[in-house]
């Protein structure tokens, strides 16, 4: 059965042999166990909370769980490098966008939860402006520089990676300051 699946889905035999056949990186059942239940439980909790209460906090919480769900599925997809370089690079691009989005939604959620009111427009602009720059850079294709066939990984622009880390730090610091 694995041969039948590999015939239809495997685009990169080298990466397929590295991941599946020799299991150099990680065992597939462990990989699936670490991602799929977490994604399902996260989105289920988000939907459950949203259905029972339609306040601003629950809406933000739902979008936070949705962003984490997409991030988790993107990370799982990135592990399956044998789907081909295009799928892997697309998954990596999604992860790079979802990472700061999770931070900003967490900051926004904590702000609303602590202050018991929606954030001022100025705070929203301060939070969204760096994220907007991130979306523009990603849309222009400047975040990923290529694909390394030897190690079956996406090559990232190092300036981009540092920008994402600084953006994450900015959201953590803003959470402490604003909340």
N, C-alpha and C. Protein backbone atom coordinates (compact mmCIF):
# COMPACT_ATOMS: atom_id res chain seq x y z
N UNK A 1 0.83 -1.20 0.00
CA UNK A 1 0.00 0.00 0.00
C UNK A 1 0.87 1.26 0.00
N UNK A 2 1.98 1.23 0.75
CA UNK A 2 2.87 2.38 0.78
C UNK A 2 3.44 2.65 -0.61
N UNK A 3 3.72 1.59 -1.36
CA UNK A 3 4.23 1.78 -2.71
C UNK A 3 3.18 2.43 -3.61
N UNK A 4 1.91 2.06 -3.42
CA UNK A 4 0.83 2.65 -4.21
C UNK A 4 0.69 4.14 -3.89
N UNK A 5 0.73 4.49 -2.60
CA UNK A 5 0.64 5.90 -2.20
C UNK A 5 1.85 6.69 -2.70
N UNK A 6 3.03 6.07 -2.60
CA UNK A 6 4.23 6.78 -3.03
C UNK A 6 4.21 7.01 -4.54
N UNK A 7 3.58 6.12 -5.29
CA UNK A 7 3.51 6.29 -6.74
C UNK A 7 2.73 7.56 -7.11
N UNK A 8 1.67 7.85 -6.36
CA UNK A 8 0.83 9.01 -6.69
C UNK A 8 1.29 10.32 -6.06
N UNK A 9 1.89 10.26 -4.88
CA UNK A 9 2.18 11.48 -4.14
C UNK A 9 3.65 11.88 -4.11
N UNK A 10 4.54 10.94 -4.27
CA UNK A 10 5.96 11.25 -4.14
C UNK A 10 6.47 11.95 -5.39
N UNK A 11 6.99 13.14 -5.18
CA UNK A 11 7.58 13.92 -6.28
C UNK A 11 9.10 13.95 -6.18
N UNK A 12 9.63 13.63 -5.02
CA UNK A 12 11.07 13.69 -4.79
C UNK A 12 11.50 12.39 -4.13
N UNK A 13 12.06 11.48 -4.93
CA UNK A 13 12.42 10.17 -4.40
C UNK A 13 13.55 10.22 -3.39
N UNK A 14 14.50 11.14 -3.57
CA UNK A 14 15.60 11.25 -2.62
C UNK A 14 15.07 11.61 -1.23
N UNK A 15 14.24 12.63 -1.16
CA UNK A 15 13.69 13.05 0.14
C UNK A 15 12.76 11.98 0.70
N UNK A 16 12.05 11.30 -0.18
CA UNK A 16 11.18 10.21 0.25
C UNK A 16 12.01 9.10 0.90
N UNK A 17 13.11 8.75 0.28
CA UNK A 17 13.95 7.69 0.85
C UNK A 17 14.59 8.13 2.16
N UNK A 18 14.94 9.42 2.26
CA UNK A 18 15.53 9.91 3.50
C UNK A 18 14.53 9.91 4.66
N UNK A 19 13.28 10.28 4.39
CA UNK A 19 12.29 10.41 5.45
C UNK A 19 11.58 9.10 5.74
N UNK A 20 11.11 8.42 4.72
CA UNK A 20 10.27 7.24 4.91
C UNK A 20 11.07 5.96 5.01
N UNK A 21 11.90 5.71 4.04
CA UNK A 21 12.59 4.43 3.96
C UNK A 21 13.62 4.28 5.08
N UNK A 22 14.50 5.26 5.21
CA UNK A 22 15.55 5.13 6.22
C UNK A 22 15.14 5.74 7.56
N UNK A 23 14.08 6.52 7.58
CA UNK A 23 13.59 7.20 8.78
C UNK A 23 14.73 7.93 9.50
N UNK A 24 15.50 8.67 8.71
CA UNK A 24 16.61 9.43 9.26
C UNK A 24 16.09 10.53 10.19
N UNK A 25 15.03 11.20 9.79
CA UNK A 25 14.56 12.36 10.55
C UNK A 25 13.70 11.97 11.75
N UNK A 26 12.59 11.31 11.50
CA UNK A 26 11.62 11.02 12.56
C UNK A 26 10.68 9.92 12.07
N UNK A 27 10.08 9.20 13.00
CA UNK A 27 9.13 8.17 12.57
C UNK A 27 7.82 8.84 12.18
N UNK A 28 7.21 8.34 11.13
CA UNK A 28 5.98 8.92 10.61
C UNK A 28 4.83 8.85 11.62
N UNK A 29 4.60 7.72 12.30
CA UNK A 29 3.51 7.72 13.28
C UNK A 29 3.68 8.77 14.38
N UNK A 30 4.91 8.97 14.84
CA UNK A 30 5.15 9.99 15.85
C UNK A 30 4.88 11.39 15.29
N UNK A 31 5.27 11.60 14.06
CA UNK A 31 5.04 12.88 13.41
C UNK A 31 3.54 13.17 13.28
N UNK A 32 2.78 12.18 12.86
CA UNK A 32 1.33 12.34 12.74
C UNK A 32 0.69 12.54 14.11
N UNK A 33 1.14 11.77 15.09
CA UNK A 33 0.59 11.86 16.44
C UNK A 33 0.86 13.23 17.06
N UNK A 34 2.00 13.82 16.74
CA UNK A 34 2.36 15.11 17.32
C UNK A 34 1.63 16.28 16.67
N UNK A 35 1.06 16.08 15.50
CA UNK A 35 0.43 17.19 14.80
C UNK A 35 -1.09 17.08 14.69
N UNK A 36 -1.59 15.96 14.24
CA UNK A 36 -3.02 15.84 13.93
C UNK A 36 -3.91 15.98 15.17
N UNK A 37 -3.67 15.26 16.27
CA UNK A 37 -4.54 15.46 17.44
C UNK A 37 -4.50 16.88 17.98
N UNK A 38 -3.33 17.48 17.98
CA UNK A 38 -3.19 18.85 18.47
C UNK A 38 -4.02 19.80 17.61
N UNK A 39 -3.93 19.64 16.30
CA UNK A 39 -4.69 20.51 15.39
C UNK A 39 -6.18 20.32 15.57
N UNK A 40 -6.63 19.08 15.68
CA UNK A 40 -8.06 18.81 15.82
C UNK A 40 -8.60 19.34 17.14
N UNK A 41 -7.90 19.07 18.23
CA UNK A 41 -8.36 19.54 19.54
C UNK A 41 -8.37 21.07 19.58
N UNK A 42 -7.36 21.70 19.02
CA UNK A 42 -7.28 23.16 19.03
C UNK A 42 -8.46 23.79 18.31
N UNK A 43 -8.73 23.33 17.09
CA UNK A 43 -9.83 23.93 16.34
C UNK A 43 -11.18 23.57 16.96
N UNK A 44 -11.29 22.38 17.55
CA UNK A 44 -12.54 21.98 18.21
C UNK A 44 -12.83 22.88 19.41
N UNK A 45 -11.80 23.17 20.20
CA UNK A 45 -11.98 24.06 21.35
C UNK A 45 -12.36 25.46 20.87
N UNK A 46 -11.70 25.94 19.83
CA UNK A 46 -12.03 27.26 19.29
C UNK A 46 -13.46 27.35 18.81
N UNK A 47 -13.93 26.33 18.10
CA UNK A 47 -15.31 26.31 17.61
C UNK A 47 -16.29 26.21 18.78
N UNK A 48 -15.97 25.35 19.74
CA UNK A 48 -16.85 25.18 20.90
C UNK A 48 -17.02 26.49 21.67
N UNK A 49 -15.92 27.17 21.92
CA UNK A 49 -15.97 28.43 22.67
C UNK A 49 -16.74 29.49 21.87
N UNK A 50 -16.52 29.56 20.57
CA UNK A 50 -17.21 30.55 19.74
C UNK A 50 -18.71 30.29 19.67
N UNK A 51 -19.09 29.01 19.59
CA UNK A 51 -20.52 28.69 19.51
C UNK A 51 -21.27 29.04 20.79
N UNK A 52 -20.59 28.95 21.92
CA UNK A 52 -21.25 29.21 23.19
C UNK A 52 -21.25 30.67 23.62
N UNK A 53 -20.42 31.49 22.99
CA UNK A 53 -20.33 32.89 23.38
C UNK A 53 -19.81 33.68 22.19
N UNK A 54 -20.44 34.78 21.87
CA UNK A 54 -20.03 35.57 20.70
C UNK A 54 -19.35 36.89 21.09
N UNK A 55 -18.72 36.94 22.25
CA UNK A 55 -18.06 38.16 22.68
C UNK A 55 -16.79 38.39 21.87
N UNK A 56 -16.20 39.57 22.01
CA UNK A 56 -14.98 39.92 21.30
C UNK A 56 -13.83 38.97 21.69
N UNK A 57 -13.79 38.58 22.97
CA UNK A 57 -12.73 37.68 23.43
C UNK A 57 -12.82 36.33 22.73
N UNK A 58 -14.02 35.81 22.60
CA UNK A 58 -14.16 34.48 21.99
C UNK A 58 -13.90 34.53 20.49
N UNK A 59 -14.23 35.65 19.85
CA UNK A 59 -13.93 35.78 18.42
C UNK A 59 -12.42 35.82 18.20
N UNK A 60 -11.72 36.58 19.02
CA UNK A 60 -10.26 36.63 18.91
C UNK A 60 -9.67 35.26 19.21
N UNK A 61 -10.19 34.60 20.25
CA UNK A 61 -9.71 33.27 20.61
C UNK A 61 -9.92 32.29 19.47
N UNK A 62 -11.07 32.37 18.81
CA UNK A 62 -11.33 31.48 17.67
C UNK A 62 -10.31 31.71 16.56
N UNK A 63 -10.06 32.97 16.22
CA UNK A 63 -9.08 33.25 15.16
C UNK A 63 -7.67 32.83 15.58
N UNK A 64 -7.38 32.92 16.87
CA UNK A 64 -6.10 32.43 17.38
C UNK A 64 -5.98 30.92 17.19
N UNK A 65 -7.04 30.19 17.54
CA UNK A 65 -7.00 28.74 17.37
C UNK A 65 -6.98 28.37 15.88
N UNK A 66 -7.65 29.14 15.05
CA UNK A 66 -7.62 28.89 13.60
C UNK A 66 -6.22 29.10 13.05
N UNK A 67 -5.55 30.17 13.48
CA UNK A 67 -4.18 30.42 13.04
C UNK A 67 -3.24 29.30 13.50
N UNK A 68 -3.42 28.83 14.72
CA UNK A 68 -2.58 27.74 15.22
C UNK A 68 -2.88 26.44 14.46
N UNK A 69 -4.14 26.21 14.14
CA UNK A 69 -4.54 25.03 13.34
C UNK A 69 -3.85 25.05 11.98
N UNK A 70 -3.88 26.19 11.31
CA UNK A 70 -3.23 26.32 9.99
C UNK A 70 -1.72 26.17 10.13
N UNK A 71 -1.15 26.76 11.17
CA UNK A 71 0.28 26.64 11.43
C UNK A 71 0.68 25.17 11.62
N UNK A 72 -0.10 24.44 12.40
CA UNK A 72 0.20 23.04 12.68
C UNK A 72 0.11 22.19 11.42
N UNK A 73 -0.93 22.41 10.63
CA UNK A 73 -1.04 21.66 9.38
C UNK A 73 0.06 22.03 8.38
N UNK A 74 0.45 23.30 8.38
CA UNK A 74 1.56 23.72 7.52
C UNK A 74 2.86 23.07 7.95
N UNK A 75 3.08 22.98 9.25
CA UNK A 75 4.29 22.34 9.77
C UNK A 75 4.30 20.86 9.41
N UNK A 76 3.17 20.21 9.54
CA UNK A 76 3.08 18.79 9.17
C UNK A 76 3.36 18.61 7.68
N UNK A 77 2.78 19.48 6.87
CA UNK A 77 3.01 19.40 5.42
C UNK A 77 4.47 19.61 5.09
N UNK A 78 5.11 20.51 5.80
CA UNK A 78 6.52 20.77 5.54
C UNK A 78 7.38 19.54 5.84
N UNK A 79 6.97 18.75 6.82
CA UNK A 79 7.73 17.54 7.13
C UNK A 79 7.66 16.53 5.98
N UNK A 80 6.55 16.53 5.24
CA UNK A 80 6.43 15.60 4.13
C UNK A 80 7.07 16.19 2.88
N UNK A 81 8.38 16.30 2.94
CA UNK A 81 9.15 16.94 1.88
C UNK A 81 9.07 16.19 0.56
N UNK A 82 8.70 14.94 0.60
CA UNK A 82 8.67 14.16 -0.63
C UNK A 82 7.49 14.51 -1.52
N UNK A 83 6.57 15.37 -1.05
CA UNK A 83 5.49 15.85 -1.91
C UNK A 83 6.04 16.75 -3.01
N UNK A 84 7.24 17.21 -2.81
CA UNK A 84 7.87 18.05 -3.81
C UNK A 84 8.21 19.42 -3.25
N UNK A 85 9.08 20.07 -3.95
CA UNK A 85 9.59 21.35 -3.49
C UNK A 85 8.52 22.42 -3.45
N UNK A 86 7.60 22.44 -4.39
CA UNK A 86 6.56 23.48 -4.41
C UNK A 86 5.64 23.38 -3.20
N UNK A 87 5.26 22.17 -2.84
CA UNK A 87 4.39 21.97 -1.68
C UNK A 87 5.13 22.36 -0.41
N UNK A 88 6.38 21.95 -0.30
CA UNK A 88 7.18 22.26 0.88
C UNK A 88 7.40 23.76 1.03
N UNK A 89 7.70 24.43 -0.07
CA UNK A 89 7.93 25.88 -0.01
C UNK A 89 6.63 26.63 0.29
N UNK A 90 5.52 26.15 -0.23
CA UNK A 90 4.23 26.78 0.07
C UNK A 90 3.89 26.62 1.55
N UNK A 91 4.14 25.43 2.08
CA UNK A 91 3.87 25.19 3.50
C UNK A 91 4.76 26.08 4.36
N UNK A 92 6.01 26.24 3.96
CA UNK A 92 6.92 27.10 4.73
C UNK A 92 6.48 28.56 4.70
N UNK A 93 6.00 29.01 3.56
CA UNK A 93 5.51 30.39 3.45
C UNK A 93 4.30 30.61 4.36
N UNK A 94 3.42 29.62 4.44
CA UNK A 94 2.26 29.72 5.32
C UNK A 94 2.71 29.78 6.78
N UNK A 95 3.68 28.95 7.13
CA UNK A 95 4.19 28.94 8.50
C UNK A 95 4.79 30.30 8.86
N UNK A 96 5.53 30.88 7.93
CA UNK A 96 6.18 32.17 8.19
C UNK A 96 5.16 33.28 8.41
N UNK A 97 3.99 33.17 7.82
CA UNK A 97 2.94 34.17 8.03
C UNK A 97 2.17 33.88 9.32
N UNK A 98 1.89 32.61 9.58
CA UNK A 98 1.09 32.24 10.74
C UNK A 98 1.83 32.48 12.06
N UNK A 99 3.14 32.36 12.05
CA UNK A 99 3.92 32.54 13.28
C UNK A 99 3.67 33.91 13.92
N UNK A 100 3.92 35.02 13.21
CA UNK A 100 3.64 36.32 13.84
C UNK A 100 2.15 36.56 14.05
N UNK A 101 1.32 35.98 13.20
CA UNK A 101 -0.12 36.16 13.37
C UNK A 101 -0.58 35.54 14.70
N UNK A 102 -0.01 34.42 15.07
CA UNK A 102 -0.32 33.80 16.36
C UNK A 102 0.10 34.73 17.50
N UNK A 103 1.27 35.35 17.36
CA UNK A 103 1.74 36.28 18.39
C UNK A 103 0.83 37.50 18.49
N UNK A 104 0.44 38.07 17.36
CA UNK A 104 -0.39 39.27 17.41
C UNK A 104 -1.77 38.95 17.96
N UNK A 105 -2.34 37.82 17.57
CA UNK A 105 -3.65 37.44 18.09
C UNK A 105 -3.57 37.14 19.59
N UNK A 106 -2.47 36.56 20.03
CA UNK A 106 -2.29 36.32 21.47
C UNK A 106 -2.20 37.64 22.22
N UNK A 107 -1.45 38.59 21.69
CA UNK A 107 -1.34 39.90 22.32
C UNK A 107 -2.69 40.60 22.37
N UNK A 108 -3.39 40.55 21.26
CA UNK A 108 -4.71 41.19 21.19
C UNK A 108 -5.69 40.52 22.15
N UNK A 109 -5.66 39.21 22.19
CA UNK A 109 -6.55 38.45 23.09
C UNK A 109 -6.26 38.79 24.55
N UNK A 110 -5.00 38.81 24.94
CA UNK A 110 -4.65 39.14 26.32
C UNK A 110 -5.02 40.58 26.67
N UNK A 111 -4.82 41.49 25.73
CA UNK A 111 -5.18 42.88 25.96
C UNK A 111 -6.68 42.99 26.26
N UNK A 112 -7.50 42.39 25.40
CA UNK A 112 -8.95 42.47 25.57
C UNK A 112 -9.38 41.74 26.84
N UNK A 113 -8.74 40.64 27.14
CA UNK A 113 -9.08 39.87 28.34
C UNK A 113 -8.75 40.64 29.62
N UNK A 114 -7.60 41.28 29.64
CA UNK A 114 -7.17 42.01 30.84
C UNK A 114 -7.92 43.34 30.98
N UNK A 115 -8.03 44.09 29.90
CA UNK A 115 -8.65 45.42 29.96
C UNK A 115 -10.17 45.37 29.93
N UNK A 116 -10.74 44.24 29.56
CA UNK A 116 -12.20 44.07 29.47
C UNK A 116 -12.84 45.01 28.45
N UNK A 117 -12.06 45.42 27.44
CA UNK A 117 -12.58 46.25 26.36
C UNK A 117 -11.70 46.05 25.13
N UNK A 118 -12.24 46.46 23.99
CA UNK A 118 -11.48 46.34 22.75
C UNK A 118 -10.32 47.33 22.75
N UNK A 119 -9.27 46.98 22.01
CA UNK A 119 -8.10 47.85 21.93
C UNK A 119 -8.42 49.10 21.12
N UNK A 120 -7.73 50.17 21.44
CA UNK A 120 -7.88 51.41 20.70
C UNK A 120 -7.34 51.22 19.29
N UNK A 121 -7.80 52.05 18.39
CA UNK A 121 -7.37 51.97 16.99
C UNK A 121 -5.87 52.17 16.86
N UNK A 122 -5.29 53.03 17.68
CA UNK A 122 -3.84 53.27 17.64
C UNK A 122 -3.08 51.98 17.95
N UNK A 123 -3.51 51.24 18.97
CA UNK A 123 -2.85 49.98 19.32
C UNK A 123 -2.98 48.96 18.19
N UNK A 124 -4.14 48.92 17.58
CA UNK A 124 -4.35 47.98 16.46
C UNK A 124 -3.43 48.31 15.29
N UNK A 125 -3.27 49.60 15.02
CA UNK A 125 -2.36 50.01 13.93
C UNK A 125 -0.92 49.65 14.28
N UNK A 126 -0.54 49.88 15.54
CA UNK A 126 0.82 49.54 15.98
C UNK A 126 1.06 48.04 15.84
N UNK A 127 0.06 47.22 16.15
CA UNK A 127 0.20 45.78 16.02
C UNK A 127 0.17 45.33 14.56
N UNK A 128 -0.65 45.95 13.75
CA UNK A 128 -0.85 45.48 12.38
C UNK A 128 0.18 45.99 11.37
N UNK A 129 0.76 47.13 11.61
CA UNK A 129 1.70 47.69 10.65
C UNK A 129 2.89 46.77 10.37
N UNK A 130 3.58 46.26 11.39
CA UNK A 130 4.68 45.33 11.09
C UNK A 130 4.19 44.05 10.39
N UNK A 131 3.00 43.61 10.74
CA UNK A 131 2.45 42.41 10.10
C UNK A 131 2.15 42.69 8.63
N UNK A 132 1.70 43.88 8.33
CA UNK A 132 1.44 44.27 6.95
C UNK A 132 2.73 44.22 6.13
N UNK A 133 3.82 44.74 6.70
CA UNK A 133 5.12 44.67 6.04
C UNK A 133 5.51 43.21 5.78
N UNK A 134 5.25 42.37 6.74
CA UNK A 134 5.54 40.94 6.61
C UNK A 134 4.76 40.33 5.45
N UNK A 135 3.49 40.66 5.33
CA UNK A 135 2.67 40.15 4.24
C UNK A 135 3.19 40.62 2.88
N UNK A 136 3.59 41.86 2.79
CA UNK A 136 4.11 42.42 1.54
C UNK A 136 5.39 41.69 1.13
N UNK A 137 6.31 41.53 2.07
CA UNK A 137 7.57 40.85 1.77
C UNK A 137 7.31 39.42 1.33
N UNK A 138 6.40 38.76 2.01
CA UNK A 138 6.07 37.38 1.66
C UNK A 138 5.41 37.30 0.29
N UNK A 139 4.49 38.21 0.01
CA UNK A 139 3.80 38.21 -1.27
C UNK A 139 4.75 38.47 -2.43
N UNK A 140 5.80 39.25 -2.19
CA UNK A 140 6.79 39.53 -3.23
C UNK A 140 7.77 38.37 -3.42
N UNK A 141 7.68 37.37 -2.58
CA UNK A 141 8.55 36.19 -2.71
C UNK A 141 9.96 36.40 -2.20
N UNK A 142 10.13 37.33 -1.29
CA UNK A 142 11.47 37.63 -0.78
C UNK A 142 11.83 36.83 0.47
N UNK A 143 10.89 36.07 1.01
CA UNK A 143 11.16 35.37 2.27
C UNK A 143 11.92 34.06 2.07
N UNK A 144 11.67 33.36 0.98
CA UNK A 144 12.31 32.08 0.72
C UNK A 144 13.24 32.22 -0.48
N UNK A 145 14.47 31.78 -0.31
CA UNK A 145 15.45 31.96 -1.38
C UNK A 145 15.56 30.77 -2.30
N UNK A 146 15.10 29.61 -1.89
CA UNK A 146 15.20 28.43 -2.75
C UNK A 146 14.96 27.16 -1.95
N UNK A 147 15.40 26.08 -2.54
CA UNK A 147 15.21 24.77 -1.93
C UNK A 147 16.53 24.03 -1.95
N UNK A 148 16.96 23.51 -0.81
CA UNK A 148 18.21 22.77 -0.72
C UNK A 148 17.91 21.29 -0.94
N UNK A 149 18.27 20.78 -2.10
CA UNK A 149 17.96 19.39 -2.45
C UNK A 149 18.77 18.39 -1.62
N UNK A 150 19.92 18.79 -1.13
CA UNK A 150 20.77 17.86 -0.38
C UNK A 150 20.19 17.51 0.99
N UNK A 151 19.56 18.46 1.62
CA UNK A 151 19.00 18.20 2.95
C UNK A 151 17.47 18.26 2.96
N UNK A 152 16.88 18.45 1.79
CA UNK A 152 15.42 18.45 1.63
C UNK A 152 14.75 19.51 2.51
N UNK A 153 15.28 20.72 2.48
CA UNK A 153 14.71 21.81 3.27
C UNK A 153 14.63 23.09 2.45
N UNK A 154 13.75 23.95 2.87
CA UNK A 154 13.60 25.26 2.24
C UNK A 154 14.72 26.16 2.73
N UNK A 155 15.32 26.90 1.81
CA UNK A 155 16.34 27.88 2.18
C UNK A 155 15.66 29.22 2.38
N UNK A 156 15.85 29.80 3.56
CA UNK A 156 15.20 31.06 3.90
C UNK A 156 16.17 32.22 3.77
N UNK A 157 15.63 33.37 3.52
CA UNK A 157 16.38 34.61 3.52
C UNK A 157 16.69 34.94 4.99
N UNK A 158 17.95 35.05 5.35
CA UNK A 158 18.32 35.25 6.76
C UNK A 158 17.79 36.58 7.30
N UNK A 159 17.74 37.61 6.47
CA UNK A 159 17.18 38.89 6.91
C UNK A 159 15.70 38.72 7.25
N UNK A 160 15.02 37.95 6.46
CA UNK A 160 13.60 37.67 6.69
C UNK A 160 13.41 36.95 8.02
N UNK A 161 14.23 35.95 8.27
CA UNK A 161 14.11 35.17 9.50
C UNK A 161 14.30 36.08 10.71
N UNK A 162 15.29 36.96 10.66
CA UNK A 162 15.51 37.87 11.77
C UNK A 162 14.35 38.85 11.92
N UNK A 163 13.76 39.27 10.81
CA UNK A 163 12.60 40.15 10.88
C UNK A 163 11.45 39.47 11.60
N UNK A 164 11.21 38.21 11.29
CA UNK A 164 10.14 37.46 11.95
C UNK A 164 10.42 37.31 13.44
N UNK A 165 11.67 37.01 13.81
CA UNK A 165 12.01 36.88 15.23
C UNK A 165 11.83 38.21 15.96
N UNK A 166 12.27 39.30 15.34
CA UNK A 166 12.10 40.61 15.96
C UNK A 166 10.62 40.98 16.07
N UNK A 167 9.85 40.59 15.08
CA UNK A 167 8.42 40.85 15.13
C UNK A 167 7.76 40.08 16.27
N UNK A 168 8.16 38.83 16.43
CA UNK A 168 7.65 38.03 17.55
C UNK A 168 8.01 38.68 18.89
N UNK A 169 9.25 39.13 19.01
CA UNK A 169 9.68 39.81 20.23
C UNK A 169 8.90 41.10 20.45
N UNK A 170 8.65 41.84 19.37
CA UNK A 170 7.85 43.06 19.46
C UNK A 170 6.47 42.76 20.03
N UNK A 171 5.84 41.68 19.57
CA UNK A 171 4.50 41.35 20.06
C UNK A 171 4.52 40.90 21.52
N UNK A 172 5.57 40.22 21.92
CA UNK A 172 5.69 39.82 23.33
C UNK A 172 5.85 41.07 24.21
N UNK A 173 6.73 41.95 23.82
CA UNK A 173 6.96 43.19 24.59
C UNK A 173 5.69 44.06 24.60
N UNK A 174 5.02 44.15 23.47
CA UNK A 174 3.79 44.96 23.44
C UNK A 174 2.70 44.35 24.32
N UNK A 175 2.70 43.05 24.43
CA UNK A 175 1.73 42.40 25.32
C UNK A 175 2.00 42.82 26.76
N UNK A 176 3.25 42.83 27.15
CA UNK A 176 3.61 43.22 28.52
C UNK A 176 3.28 44.70 28.75
N UNK A 177 3.56 45.54 27.78
CA UNK A 177 3.34 46.97 27.94
C UNK A 177 1.85 47.31 27.91
N UNK A 178 1.12 46.81 26.92
CA UNK A 178 -0.27 47.21 26.74
C UNK A 178 -1.23 46.49 27.68
N UNK A 179 -0.93 45.29 28.05
CA UNK A 179 -1.84 44.54 28.92
C UNK A 179 -1.36 44.66 30.34
